[in-house]
C-alpha atoms as a PDB file:
ATOM      1  CA  MET A   1      -5.579  -4.014   5.031  1.00  0.00           C
ATOM      2  CA  PHE A   2      -8.850  -2.835   6.327  1.00  0.00           C
ATOM      3  CA  SER A   3      -9.577  -4.322   9.038  1.00  0.00           C
ATOM      4  CA  VAL A   4     -13.453  -5.220   9.573  1.00  0.00           C
ATOM      5  CA  ASN A   5     -13.631  -4.939  13.620  1.00  0.00           C
ATOM      6  CA  GLU A   6     -12.598  -1.481  13.356  1.00  0.00           C
ATOM      7  CA  GLU A   7     -14.648  -0.558  11.170  1.00  0.00           C
ATOM      8  CA  ALA A   8     -17.839  -2.328  13.675  1.00  0.00           C
ATOM      9  CA  ALA A   9     -16.549  -0.902  16.882  1.00  0.00           C
ATOM     10  CA  LYS A  10     -16.914   2.758  15.615  1.00  0.00           C
ATOM     11  CA  ILE A  11     -20.562   1.645  14.395  1.00  0.00           C
ATOM     12  CA  ALA A  12     -20.527  -0.081  18.094  1.00  0.00           C
ATOM     13  CA  ARG A  13     -19.445   3.100  19.904  1.00  0.00           C
ATOM     14  CA  ARG A  14     -21.620   4.773  17.852  1.00  0.00           C
ATOM     15  CA  MET A  15     -24.894   3.182  18.733  1.00  0.00           C
ATOM     16  CA  ILE A  16     -23.308   3.303  22.498  1.00  0.00           C
ATOM     17  CA  SER A  17     -24.297   6.857  22.424  1.00  0.00           C
ATOM     18  CA  GLU A  18     -27.372   6.810  20.557  1.00  0.00           C
ATOM     19  CA  ALA A  19     -28.812   4.194  22.956  1.00  0.00           C
ATOM     20  CA  ASP A  20     -31.324   6.043  23.818  1.00  0.00           C
ATOM     21  CA  LEU A  21     -32.444   7.162  20.595  1.00  0.00           C
ATOM     22  CA  LEU A  22     -31.923   3.452  19.297  1.00  0.00           C
ATOM     23  CA  ASN A  23     -33.998   2.328  22.365  1.00  0.00           C
ATOM     24  CA  ILE A  24     -31.715  -0.552  22.951  1.00  0.00           C
ATOM     25  CA  GLU A  25     -29.858  -0.568  26.570  1.00  0.00           C
ATOM     26  CA  VAL A  26     -25.741  -1.709  26.731  1.00  0.00           C
ATOM     27  CA  SER A  27     -24.115  -3.183  29.848  1.00  0.00           C
ATOM     28  CA  ARG A  28     -20.891  -4.278  31.247  1.00  0.00           C
ATOM     29  CA  LEU A  29     -20.533  -7.045  32.264  1.00  0.00           C
ATOM     30  CA  ASP A  30     -17.698  -7.818  35.139  1.00  0.00           C
ATOM     31  CA  ASN A  31     -14.980  -8.507  33.326  1.00  0.00           C
ATOM     32  CA  GLY A  32     -15.570  -5.350  31.171  1.00  0.00           C
ATOM     33  CA  ALA A  33     -17.459  -6.546  28.133  1.00  0.00           C
ATOM     34  CA  THR A  34     -19.626  -4.681  26.937  1.00  0.00           C
ATOM     35  CA  VAL A  35     -23.044  -5.577  25.836  1.00  0.00           C
ATOM     36  CA  LEU A  36     -25.609  -3.859  23.326  1.00  0.00           C
ATOM     37  CA  ASP A  37     -29.226  -5.226  24.160  1.00  0.00           C
ATOM     38  CA  CYS A  38     -31.135  -4.854  20.946  1.00  0.00           C
ATOM     39  CA  GLY A  39     -33.960  -6.849  21.324  1.00  0.00           C
ATOM     40  CA  VAL A  40     -33.761  -9.778  24.363  1.00  0.00           C
ATOM     41  CA  SER A  41     -34.938  -6.862  27.076  1.00  0.00           C
ATOM     42  CA  ALA A  42     -34.628  -3.782  24.735  1.00  0.00           C
ATOM     43  CA  ALA A  43     -37.620  -3.442  22.780  1.00  0.00           C
ATOM     44  CA  GLY A  44     -35.592  -2.274  20.261  1.00  0.00           C
ATOM     45  CA  GLY A  45     -36.778  -0.502  16.104  1.00  0.00           C
ATOM     46  CA  TRP A  46     -36.058   0.170  12.383  1.00  0.00           C
ATOM     47  CA  LEU A  47     -32.454   1.844  13.434  1.00  0.00           C
ATOM     48  CA  ALA A  48     -31.700  -0.480  15.529  1.00  0.00           C
ATOM     49  CA  GLY A  49     -32.022  -3.072  12.837  1.00  0.00           C
ATOM     50  CA  LYS A  50     -30.240  -0.920  10.947  1.00  0.00           C
ATOM     51  CA  HIS A  51     -27.395  -0.919  13.050  1.00  0.00           C
ATOM     52  CA  PHE A  52     -27.250  -4.340  14.056  1.00  0.00           C
ATOM     53  CA  VAL A  53     -26.620  -4.792  10.154  1.00  0.00           C
ATOM     54  CA  ALA A  54     -23.989  -2.383   9.855  1.00  0.00           C
ATOM     55  CA  VAL A  55     -22.003  -3.771  13.043  1.00  0.00           C
ATOM     56  CA  THR A  56     -21.984  -7.510  11.070  1.00  0.00           C
ATOM     57  CA  ILE A  57     -21.269  -6.373   7.796  1.00  0.00           C
ATOM     58  CA  ALA A  58     -18.615  -4.274   8.948  1.00  0.00           C
ATOM     59  CA  GLY A  59     -19.978  -0.524   7.682  1.00  0.00           C
ATOM     60  CA  LEU A  60     -19.736  -2.093   3.845  1.00  0.00           C
ATOM     61  CA  GLY A  61     -22.628  -1.766   2.799  1.00  0.00           C
ATOM     62  CA  GLU A  62     -26.144   0.188   3.205  1.00  0.00           C
ATOM     63  CA  VAL A  63     -29.143  -1.039   4.539  1.00  0.00           C
ATOM     64  CA  ALA A  64     -32.841   0.243   2.997  1.00  0.00           C
ATOM     65  CA  PHE A  65     -36.121   0.121   3.478  1.00  0.00           C
ATOM     66  CA  GLY A  66     -38.798  -1.377   0.654  1.00  0.00           C
ATOM     67  CA  THR A  67     -42.101  -2.990   0.217  1.00  0.00           C
ATOM     68  CA  PHE A  68     -42.856  -5.987  -0.589  1.00  0.00           C
ATOM     69  CA  GLN A  69     -46.850  -7.044  -1.641  1.00  0.00           C
ATOM     70  CA  LEU A  70     -47.872 -10.730  -0.728  1.00  0.00           C
ATOM     71  CA  SER A  71     -51.476 -11.082  -2.003  1.00  0.00           C
ATOM     72  CA  GLY A  72     -53.785  -8.036  -0.466  1.00  0.00           C
ATOM     73  CA  LEU A  73     -51.275  -7.545   2.839  1.00  0.00           C
ATOM     74  CA  VAL A  74     -48.145  -4.835   2.257  1.00  0.00           C
ATOM     75  CA  LEU A  75     -44.958  -5.823   4.265  1.00  0.00           C
ATOM     76  CA  PRO A  76     -41.829  -4.180   4.794  1.00  0.00           C
ATOM     77  CA  SER A  77     -38.270  -5.700   2.737  1.00  0.00           C
ATOM     78  CA  ILE A  78     -35.493  -5.344   4.100  1.00  0.00           C
ATOM     79  CA  ASP A  79     -33.236  -4.581   1.132  1.00  0.00           C
ATOM     80  CA  VAL A  80     -29.426  -4.740   1.457  1.00  0.00           C
ATOM     81  CA  TYR A  81     -26.378  -3.304  -0.137  1.00  0.00           C
ATOM     82  CA  VAL A  82     -23.038  -4.853  -0.234  1.00  0.00           C
ATOM     83  CA  ASP A  83     -19.622  -4.202  -1.113  1.00  0.00           C
ATOM     84  CA  ARG A  84     -16.517  -6.823  -1.146  1.00  0.00           C
ATOM     85  CA  PRO A  85     -18.946  -8.889  -0.231  1.00  0.00           C
ATOM     86  CA  GLY A  86     -17.060 -11.792  -0.130  1.00  0.00           C
ATOM     87  CA  ILE A  87     -15.725 -10.253   3.344  1.00  0.00           C
ATOM     88  CA  ALA A  88     -18.537  -8.473   4.611  1.00  0.00           C
ATOM     89  CA  CYS A  89     -20.873 -11.514   4.402  1.00  0.00           C
ATOM     90  CA  LEU A  90     -18.264 -14.842   4.373  1.00  0.00           C
ATOM     91  CA  SER A  91     -15.668 -13.143   6.564  1.00  0.00           C
ATOM     92  CA  SER A  92     -17.932 -11.541   8.400  1.00  0.00           C
ATOM     93  CA  GLN A  93     -21.393 -11.369   9.131  1.00  0.00           C
ATOM     94  CA  PHE A  94     -22.578 -15.332   8.691  1.00  0.00           C
ATOM     95  CA  SER A  95     -23.598 -17.153  11.473  1.00  0.00           C
ATOM     96  CA  GLY A  96     -21.630 -19.431  11.934  1.00  0.00           C
ATOM     97  CA  TRP A  97     -19.983 -18.985  15.413  1.00  0.00           C
ATOM     98  CA  ARG A  98     -21.290 -22.324  17.763  1.00  0.00           C
ATOM     99  CA  ILE A  99     -21.934 -21.945  20.795  1.00  0.00           C
ATOM    100  CA  PRO A 100     -21.531 -26.075  21.876  1.00  0.00           C
ATOM    101  CA  GLY A 101     -24.008 -27.136  24.701  1.00  0.00           C
ATOM    102  CA  VAL A 102     -25.435 -24.290  24.900  1.00  0.00           C
ATOM    103  CA  ARG A 103     -29.672 -24.118  23.847  1.00  0.00           C
ATOM    104  CA  TYR A 104     -32.570 -22.181  25.729  1.00  0.00           C
ATOM    105  CA  ASN A 105     -36.361 -23.380  25.223  1.00  0.00           C
ATOM    106  CA  THR A 106     -34.537 -26.396  22.795  1.00  0.00           C
ATOM    107  CA  LEU A 107     -32.391 -23.024  19.903  1.00  0.00           C
ATOM    108  CA  ALA A 108     -29.129 -23.070  20.053  1.00  0.00           C
ATOM    109  CA  PRO A 109     -28.077 -19.334  19.313  1.00  0.00           C
ATOM    110  CA  LEU A 110     -26.327 -18.158  17.004  1.00  0.00           C
ATOM    111  CA  GLY A 111     -23.079 -16.095  16.885  1.00  0.00           C
ATOM    112  CA  SER A 112     -21.882 -14.230  14.101  1.00  0.00           C
ATOM    113  CA  GLY A 113     -20.081 -11.162  13.571  1.00  0.00           C
ATOM    114  CA  PRO A 114     -16.667  -9.446  12.521  1.00  0.00           C
ATOM    115  CA  ALA A 115     -14.635 -11.612  15.609  1.00  0.00           C
ATOM    116  CA  ARG A 116     -15.444 -14.555  12.764  1.00  0.00           C
ATOM    117  CA  ALA A 117     -12.517 -13.194  10.968  1.00  0.00           C
ATOM    118  CA  ILE A 118     -10.163 -12.869  13.517  1.00  0.00           C
ATOM    119  CA  ALA A 119     -10.732 -16.005  15.062  1.00  0.00           C
ATOM    120  CA  GLN A 120     -11.508 -17.815  11.213  1.00  0.00           C
ATOM    121  CA  ASN A 121     -12.906 -20.802  13.482  1.00  0.00           C
ATOM    122  CA  ASP A 122     -15.902 -22.507  10.967  1.00  0.00           C
ATOM    123  CA  LYS A 123     -15.359 -23.390   7.421  1.00  0.00           C
ATOM    124  CA  PHE A 124     -17.604 -20.598   6.289  1.00  0.00           C
ATOM    125  CA  CYS A 125     -15.521 -17.915   6.211  1.00  0.00           C
ATOM    126  CA  LYS A 126     -13.056 -19.985   4.683  1.00  0.00           C
ATOM    127  CA  PRO A 127     -13.414 -19.616   1.156  1.00  0.00           C
ATOM    128  CA  VAL A 128     -12.529 -15.702   1.721  1.00  0.00           C
ATOM    129  CA  PRO A 129      -8.592 -15.456   1.932  1.00  0.00           C
ATOM    130  CA  TYR A 130      -9.148 -12.999   4.336  1.00  0.00           C
ATOM    131  CA  VAL A 131      -7.174 -12.473   8.129  1.00  0.00           C
ATOM    132  CA  ASP A 132      -7.718  -9.909  10.363  1.00  0.00           C
ATOM    133  CA  LYS A 133      -6.041  -8.357  13.580  1.00  0.00           C
ATOM    134  CA  ASN A 134      -7.710  -5.932  15.827  1.00  0.00           C
ATOM    135  CA  HIS A 135      -7.099  -4.954  19.667  1.00  0.00           C
ATOM    136  CA  GLU A 136     -10.941  -4.273  19.813  1.00  0.00           C
ATOM    137  CA  VAL A 137     -13.678  -7.119  18.446  1.00  0.00           C
ATOM    138  CA  VAL A 138     -17.025  -7.349  17.699  1.00  0.00           C
ATOM    139  CA  TRP A 139     -19.311  -9.921  18.027  1.00  0.00           C
ATOM    140  CA  ALA A 140     -23.443 -10.567  17.248  1.00  0.00           C
ATOM    141  CA  ILE A 141     -25.735 -13.275  18.963  1.00  0.00           C
ATOM    142  CA  GLN A 142     -29.455 -14.108  17.789  1.00  0.00           C
ATOM    143  CA  THR A 143     -30.375 -15.163  21.204  1.00  0.00           C
ATOM    144  CA  THR A 144     -33.127 -15.018  23.665  1.00  0.00           C
ATOM    145  CA  VAL A 145     -30.639 -14.778  26.547  1.00  0.00           C
ATOM    146  CA  LEU A 146     -28.236 -11.986  27.596  1.00  0.00           C
ATOM    147  CA  PRO A 147     -24.591 -12.752  26.881  1.00  0.00           C
ATOM    148  CA  ASP A 148     -22.734 -13.467  30.606  1.00  0.00           C
ATOM    149  CA  VAL A 149     -18.845 -13.228  31.673  1.00  0.00           C
ATOM    150  CA  ALA A 150     -18.108 -16.985  30.933  1.00  0.00           C
ATOM    151  CA  MET A 151     -19.376 -16.912  27.455  1.00  0.00           C
ATOM    152  CA  THR A 152     -17.905 -13.792  26.877  1.00  0.00           C
ATOM    153  CA  ASP A 153     -13.892 -14.633  28.197  1.00  0.00           C
ATOM    154  CA  SER A 154     -14.680 -17.520  25.738  1.00  0.00           C
ATOM    155  CA  VAL A 155     -15.375 -14.932  22.796  1.00  0.00           C
ATOM    156  CA  ALA A 156     -12.430 -12.484  23.474  1.00  0.00           C
ATOM    157  CA  ALA A 157     -10.338 -15.438  24.051  1.00  0.00           C
ATOM    158  CA  ALA A 158     -10.797 -17.577  20.569  1.00  0.00           C
ATOM    159  CA  CYS A 159      -9.948 -13.868  19.323  1.00  0.00           C
ATOM    160  CA  GLY A 160      -6.637 -13.407  21.736  1.00  0.00           C
ATOM    161  CA  ALA A 161      -8.641  -9.146  22.980  1.00  0.00           C
ATOM    162  CA  GLU A 162      -9.251  -9.262  26.667  1.00  0.00           C
ATOM    163  CA  PRO A 163     -12.513  -8.683  27.816  1.00  0.00           C
ATOM    164  CA  GLU A 164     -12.483  -5.012  27.950  1.00  0.00           C
ATOM    165  CA  ASN A 165     -11.970  -4.659  24.244  1.00  0.00           C
ATOM    166  CA  LEU A 166     -15.260  -6.827  23.160  1.00  0.00           C
ATOM    167  CA  TYR A 167     -18.535  -5.341  22.288  1.00  0.00           C
ATOM    168  CA  VAL A 168     -20.941  -7.998  21.796  1.00  0.00           C
ATOM    169  CA  LEU A 169     -24.544  -6.787  19.701  1.00  0.00           C
ATOM    170  CA  ALA A 170     -27.590  -9.194  21.279  1.00  0.00           C
ATOM    171  CA  ALA A 171     -31.457  -9.212  19.598  1.00  0.00           C
ATOM    172  CA  ALA A 172     -33.233 -12.188  20.122  1.00  0.00           C
ATOM    173  CA  THR A 173     -35.012 -13.742  16.501  1.00  0.00           C
ATOM    174  CA  GLY A 174     -38.360 -12.452  17.853  1.00  0.00           C
ATOM    175  CA  SER A 175     -37.465  -8.698  18.158  1.00  0.00           C
ATOM    176  CA  PHE A 176     -37.633  -6.033  15.707  1.00  0.00           C
ATOM    177  CA  ALA A 177     -34.361  -5.841  14.781  1.00  0.00           C
ATOM    178  CA  GLY A 178     -33.138  -9.271  15.587  1.00  0.00           C
ATOM    179  CA  ALA A 179     -36.003 -10.130  12.869  1.00  0.00           C
ATOM    180  CA  MET A 180     -34.400  -7.780  10.896  1.00  0.00           C
ATOM    181  CA  GLN A 181     -30.472  -9.246  10.950  1.00  0.00           C
ATOM    182  CA  VAL A 182     -31.106 -11.977   9.591  1.00  0.00           C
ATOM    183  CA  VAL A 183     -33.727 -11.458   6.803  1.00  0.00           C
ATOM    184  CA  ALA A 184     -30.938  -9.189   5.652  1.00  0.00           C
ATOM    185  CA  ARG A 185     -28.854 -11.995   5.222  1.00  0.00           C
ATOM    186  CA  ASN A 186     -30.032 -11.763   1.922  1.00  0.00           C
ATOM    187  CA  VAL A 187     -26.536 -12.023   0.558  1.00  0.00           C
ATOM    188  CA  GLU A 188     -25.027 -14.003   2.974  1.00  0.00           C
ATOM    189  CA  PRO A 189     -26.091 -17.480   2.187  1.00  0.00           C
ATOM    190  CA  ALA A 190     -25.782 -16.467  -1.433  1.00  0.00           C
ATOM    191  CA  MET A 191     -22.280 -16.088  -0.906  1.00  0.00           C
ATOM    192  CA  TRP A 192     -21.974 -19.190   0.550  1.00  0.00           C
ATOM    193  CA  ARG A 193     -24.317 -20.757  -2.233  1.00  0.00           C
ATOM    194  CA  VAL A 194     -21.705 -19.749  -4.915  1.00  0.00           C
ATOM    195  CA  ALA A 195     -19.215 -20.952  -2.990  1.00  0.00           C
ATOM    196  CA  SER A 196     -20.260 -24.233  -2.237  1.00  0.00           C
ATOM    197  CA  GLN A 197     -21.488 -24.840  -6.111  1.00  0.00           C
ATOM    198  CA  GLY A 198     -17.685 -24.578  -7.379  1.00  0.00           C
ATOM    199  CA  PHE A 199     -17.725 -20.769  -8.286  1.00  0.00           C
ATOM    200  CA  ASP A 200     -15.264 -18.485  -6.916  1.00  0.00           C
ATOM    201  CA  PRO A 201     -16.627 -16.136  -4.438  1.00  0.00           C
ATOM    202  CA  ASN A 202     -13.919 -13.835  -4.252  1.00  0.00           C
ATOM    203  CA  LYS A 203     -14.820 -12.763  -8.718  1.00  0.00           C
ATOM    204  CA  VAL A 204     -18.301 -11.195  -7.217  1.00  0.00           C
ATOM    205  CA  ILE A 205     -17.476  -7.264  -6.633  1.00  0.00           C
ATOM    206  CA  CYS A 206     -21.058  -6.620  -5.252  1.00  0.00           C
ATOM    207  CA  GLY A 207     -24.259  -7.585  -4.294  1.00  0.00           C
ATOM    208  CA  TYR A 208     -28.089  -6.561  -3.131  1.00  0.00           C
ATOM    209  CA  GLY A 209     -30.264  -8.971  -1.920  1.00  0.00           C
ATOM    210  CA  SER A 210     -34.093  -7.667  -1.064  1.00  0.00           C
ATOM    211  CA  SER A 211     -36.295  -9.955   2.078  1.00  0.00           C
ATOM    212  CA  PRO A 212     -39.972  -9.531   3.135  1.00  0.00           C
ATOM    213  CA  LEU A 213     -39.755  -8.714   6.864  1.00  0.00           C
ATOM    214  CA  PRO A 214     -42.763 -11.044   8.225  1.00  0.00           C
ATOM    215  CA  PRO A 215     -45.269 -10.718  11.152  1.00  0.00           C
ATOM    216  CA  ILE A 216     -43.131 -10.027  13.997  1.00  0.00           C
ATOM    217  CA  VAL A 217     -43.771 -12.854  16.572  1.00  0.00           C
ATOM    218  CA  ARG A 218     -42.182 -13.013  19.713  1.00  0.00           C
ATOM    219  CA  ASP A 219     -42.715 -17.115  20.197  1.00  0.00           C
ATOM    220  CA  GLU A 220     -38.458 -17.748  19.228  1.00  0.00           C
ATOM    221  CA  LEU A 221     -39.589 -21.101  16.960  1.00  0.00           C
ATOM    222  CA  LYS A 222     -42.029 -19.364  14.936  1.00  0.00           C
ATOM    223  CA  ALA A 223     -40.086 -16.343  14.471  1.00  0.00           C
ATOM    224  CA  MET A 224     -37.338 -18.897  13.598  1.00  0.00           C
ATOM    225  CA  ASP A 225     -39.531 -20.021  10.773  1.00  0.00           C
ATOM    226  CA  ARG A 226     -40.625 -17.130   9.044  1.00  0.00           C
ATOM    227  CA  VAL A 227     -37.508 -15.045   8.827  1.00  0.00           C
ATOM    228  CA  ASN A 228     -35.599 -18.798   7.556  1.00  0.00           C
ATOM    229  CA  THR A 229     -38.641 -18.956   5.032  1.00  0.00           C
ATOM    230  CA  SER A 230     -38.104 -14.537   3.644  1.00  0.00           C
ATOM    231  CA  LEU A 231     -34.504 -15.901   2.764  1.00  0.00           C
ATOM    232  CA  LEU A 232     -35.854 -19.806   1.375  1.00  0.00           C
ATOM    233  CA  TYR A 233     -38.971 -18.473  -1.194  1.00  0.00           C
ATOM    234  CA  GLY A 234     -39.424 -15.016  -0.974  1.00  0.00           C
ATOM    235  CA  THR A 235     -35.365 -13.222  -0.994  1.00  0.00           C
ATOM    236  CA  SER A 236     -33.807 -12.367  -4.149  1.00  0.00           C
ATOM    237  CA  VAL A 237     -30.302 -11.499  -4.409  1.00  0.00           C
ATOM    238  CA  LEU A 238     -27.952  -9.445  -7.489  1.00  0.00           C
ATOM    239  CA  LEU A 239     -24.674 -10.620  -7.697  1.00  0.00           C
ATOM    240  CA  TYR A 240     -21.585  -8.385  -9.510  1.00  0.00           C
ATOM    241  CA  VAL A 241     -19.333 -10.426 -10.440  1.00  0.00           C
ATOM    242  CA  ASP A 242     -15.755 -10.573 -13.451  1.00  0.00           C
ATOM    243  CA  CYS A 243     -15.333 -14.055 -15.140  1.00  0.00           C
ATOM    244  CA  THR A 244     -16.137 -15.417 -18.073  1.00  0.00           C
ATOM    245  CA  ASP A 245     -19.541 -16.639 -18.866  1.00  0.00           C
ATOM    246  CA  ALA A 246     -18.769 -19.960 -18.836  1.00  0.00           C
ATOM    247  CA  GLU A 247     -18.678 -19.843 -15.115  1.00  0.00           C
ATOM    248  CA  VAL A 248     -21.199 -17.874 -14.451  1.00  0.00           C
ATOM    249  CA  GLU A 249     -23.444 -21.000 -17.480  1.00  0.00           C
ATOM    250  CA  ALA A 250     -22.293 -23.675 -14.798  1.00  0.00           C
ATOM    251  CA  VAL A 251     -23.605 -22.501 -11.413  1.00  0.00           C
ATOM    252  CA  ILE A 252     -26.958 -20.542 -12.106  1.00  0.00           C
ATOM    253  CA  GLU A 253     -28.901 -23.332 -12.098  1.00  0.00           C
ATOM    254  CA  ARG A 254     -27.745 -25.180  -9.302  1.00  0.00           C
ATOM    255  CA  LEU A 255     -27.768 -21.541  -7.284  1.00  0.00           C
ATOM    256  CA  PRO A 256     -31.797 -21.389  -5.984  1.00  0.00           C
ATOM    257  CA  LEU A 257     -33.410 -23.286  -3.851  1.00  0.00           C
ATOM    258  CA  SER A 258     -34.854 -24.274  -6.816  1.00  0.00           C
ATOM    259  CA  GLY A 259     -31.734 -25.385  -7.134  1.00  0.00           C
ATOM    260  CA  SER A 260     -31.733 -27.687  -4.854  1.00  0.00           C
ATOM    261  CA  ARG A 261     -33.136 -31.625  -2.963  1.00  0.00           C
ATOM    262  CA  LEU A 262     -34.802 -29.053  -0.025  1.00  0.00           C
ATOM    263  CA  TYR A 263     -37.300 -27.389  -2.619  1.00  0.00           C
ATOM    264  CA  GLY A 264     -40.537 -27.207  -1.606  1.00  0.00           C
ATOM    265  CA  GLU A 265     -39.742 -27.974   1.137  1.00  0.00           C
ATOM    266  CA  GLU A 266     -41.048 -26.236   4.802  1.00  0.00           C
ATOM    267  CA  PHE A 267     -38.702 -24.479   7.064  1.00  0.00           C
ATOM    268  CA  ILE A 268     -40.353 -26.030   9.939  1.00  0.00           C
ATOM    269  CA  ASP A 269     -39.862 -29.330   8.813  1.00  0.00           C
ATOM    270  CA  ILE A 270     -36.269 -28.911   7.588  1.00  0.00           C
ATOM    271  CA  PHE A 271     -35.111 -26.970  11.096  1.00  0.00           C
ATOM    272  CA  GLU A 272     -37.104 -29.772  13.151  1.00  0.00           C
ATOM    273  CA  ARG A 273     -35.130 -32.275  11.709  1.00  0.00           C
ATOM    274  CA  GLY A 274     -32.125 -30.960  12.150  1.00  0.00           C
ATOM    275  CA  LYS A 275     -32.612 -31.700  15.766  1.00  0.00           C
ATOM    276  CA  ARG A 276     -33.315 -27.112  16.186  1.00  0.00           C
ATOM    277  CA  ASP A 277     -30.002 -26.906  15.388  1.00  0.00           C
ATOM    278  CA  PHE A 278     -28.662 -24.509  12.544  1.00  0.00           C
ATOM    279  CA  TYR A 279     -25.502 -25.918  12.365  1.00  0.00           C
ATOM    280  CA  GLU A 280     -26.579 -29.964  12.335  1.00  0.00           C
ATOM    281  CA  ILE A 281     -29.389 -29.324   9.375  1.00  0.00           C
ATOM    282  CA  ASP A 282     -28.983 -29.659   5.887  1.00  0.00           C
ATOM    283  CA  LYS A 283     -26.484 -27.462   4.437  1.00  0.00           C
ATOM    284  CA  ASP A 284     -28.433 -27.080   1.731  1.00  0.00           C
ATOM    285  CA  VAL A 285     -31.099 -24.435   3.630  1.00  0.00           C
ATOM    286  CA  HIS A 286     -27.956 -21.285   2.399  1.00  0.00           C
ATOM    287  CA  THR A 287     -29.680 -20.297   0.074  1.00  0.00           C
ATOM    288  CA  VAL A 288     -31.720 -17.760  -1.501  1.00  0.00           C
ATOM    289  CA  ALA A 289     -35.038 -18.176  -3.444  1.00  0.00           C
ATOM    290  CA  ARG A 290     -33.686 -16.373  -7.089  1.00  0.00           C
ATOM    291  CA  PHE A 291     -30.244 -15.136  -8.646  1.00  0.00           C
ATOM    292  CA  THR A 292     -29.901 -12.499 -10.620  1.00  0.00           C
ATOM    293  CA  ILE A 293     -25.985 -11.822 -11.937  1.00  0.00           C
ATOM    294  CA  ASN A 294     -24.876  -9.788 -13.355  1.00  0.00           C
ATOM    295  CA  ASN A 295     -21.065 -10.017 -14.656  1.00  0.00           C
ATOM    296  CA  VAL A 296     -19.268  -7.272 -15.737  1.00  0.00           C
ATOM    297  CA  ALA A 297     -16.640  -8.055 -18.274  1.00  0.00           C
ATOM    298  CA  THR A 298     -19.347  -8.874 -20.717  1.00  0.00           C
ATOM    299  CA  GLY A 299     -22.630  -7.038 -19.748  1.00  0.00           C
ATOM    300  CA  ARG A 300     -24.798 -10.557 -19.870  1.00  0.00           C
ATOM    301  CA  THR A 301     -27.312 -11.360 -17.227  1.00  0.00           C
ATOM    302  CA  TYR A 302     -28.646 -14.693 -16.043  1.00  0.00           C
ATOM    303  CA  SER A 303     -31.010 -15.140 -13.416  1.00  0.00           C
ATOM    304  CA  ALA A 304     -32.722 -18.468 -12.072  1.00  0.00           C
ATOM    305  CA  GLY A 305     -34.941 -19.132  -9.379  1.00  0.00           C
ATOM    306  CA  THR A 306     -38.383 -18.028  -8.061  1.00  0.00           C
ATOM    307  CA  ILE A 307     -40.444 -16.414  -5.280  1.00  0.00           C
ATOM    308  CA  ARG A 308     -43.613 -18.690  -4.060  1.00  0.00           C
ATOM    309  CA  PRO A 309     -46.053 -16.719  -2.093  1.00  0.00           C
ATOM    310  CA  ASP A 310     -47.945 -19.350  -1.418  1.00  0.00           C
ATOM    311  CA  LEU A 311     -45.167 -20.244   1.273  1.00  0.00           C
ATOM    312  CA  LEU A 312     -44.339 -17.543   2.672  1.00  0.00           C
ATOM    313  CA  GLU A 313     -47.948 -16.598   3.042  1.00  0.00           C
ATOM    314  CA  LYS A 314     -48.696 -20.502   5.018  1.00  0.00           C
ATOM    315  CA  CYS A 315     -45.460 -19.091   7.363  1.00  0.00           C
ATOM    316  CA  PHE A 316     -46.994 -15.617   7.825  1.00  0.00           C
ATOM    317  CA  SER A 317     -50.208 -16.804   9.178  1.00  0.00           C
ATOM    318  CA  ARG A 318     -49.473 -19.307  11.768  1.00  0.00           C
END
């Protein structure tokens, strides 16, 4: 079996060699860990964001850019095409790595990336029977403060790796690359949603997701609200599955946010109720606005859910 960390490390090394072009900053900590600042102090940009996403899905897909019409506003869309989404999204990309006791300006940083496939330290990777082994480890963090020796030592130890073999990508939500890599998590919550509703995620062959990139704002709380509102009320996902039609019909209406008790709530209210901690909020938040499922076994296509321009406009304008 291929290694998601091996593939991600190749992309990370390419980013290091092209740091000036990507407008990112690379540093080496005293323990030897390499930190790629894609949007904490560094400005980043389209290419930095695209590479960040490629690292988190371990090269198992492509990122493209499109447009999203929102009333009179034309926004970019982040379009992600993913092979083997069970591994790419649940084993690797999902922001399921908790960093206990750490908060920056009231917000908890979020860990993600291929290192999770080695550490196996959160429940979001469990539906997929994939465990990675590799001497090089790649981790990503959504944060306003660059990781230090203590944090990187902890990540390396959890993966049984030496810190000098650890690459860390970091970006704030309120940065260009940071916002991009969050809304590019469109197939990711869709995969968790199908698994949580009883559909076998290993029967999903490929995935496609499209999300509007909201206006960038440096205020981290506002940025968090905007990118997650984009996922909940502006994102469409297409999954290609191989199963019986009955398996799809059993879950399709429950998959989008409209099938959840949270439907109609603004993300900021859900987030505040969870004390601004993604690991404490209602787990029904891990979904998207609209699902389409193409069953390749029968050729039938199913869809459910709806885009909510009203809630997108309200969030993006405040």
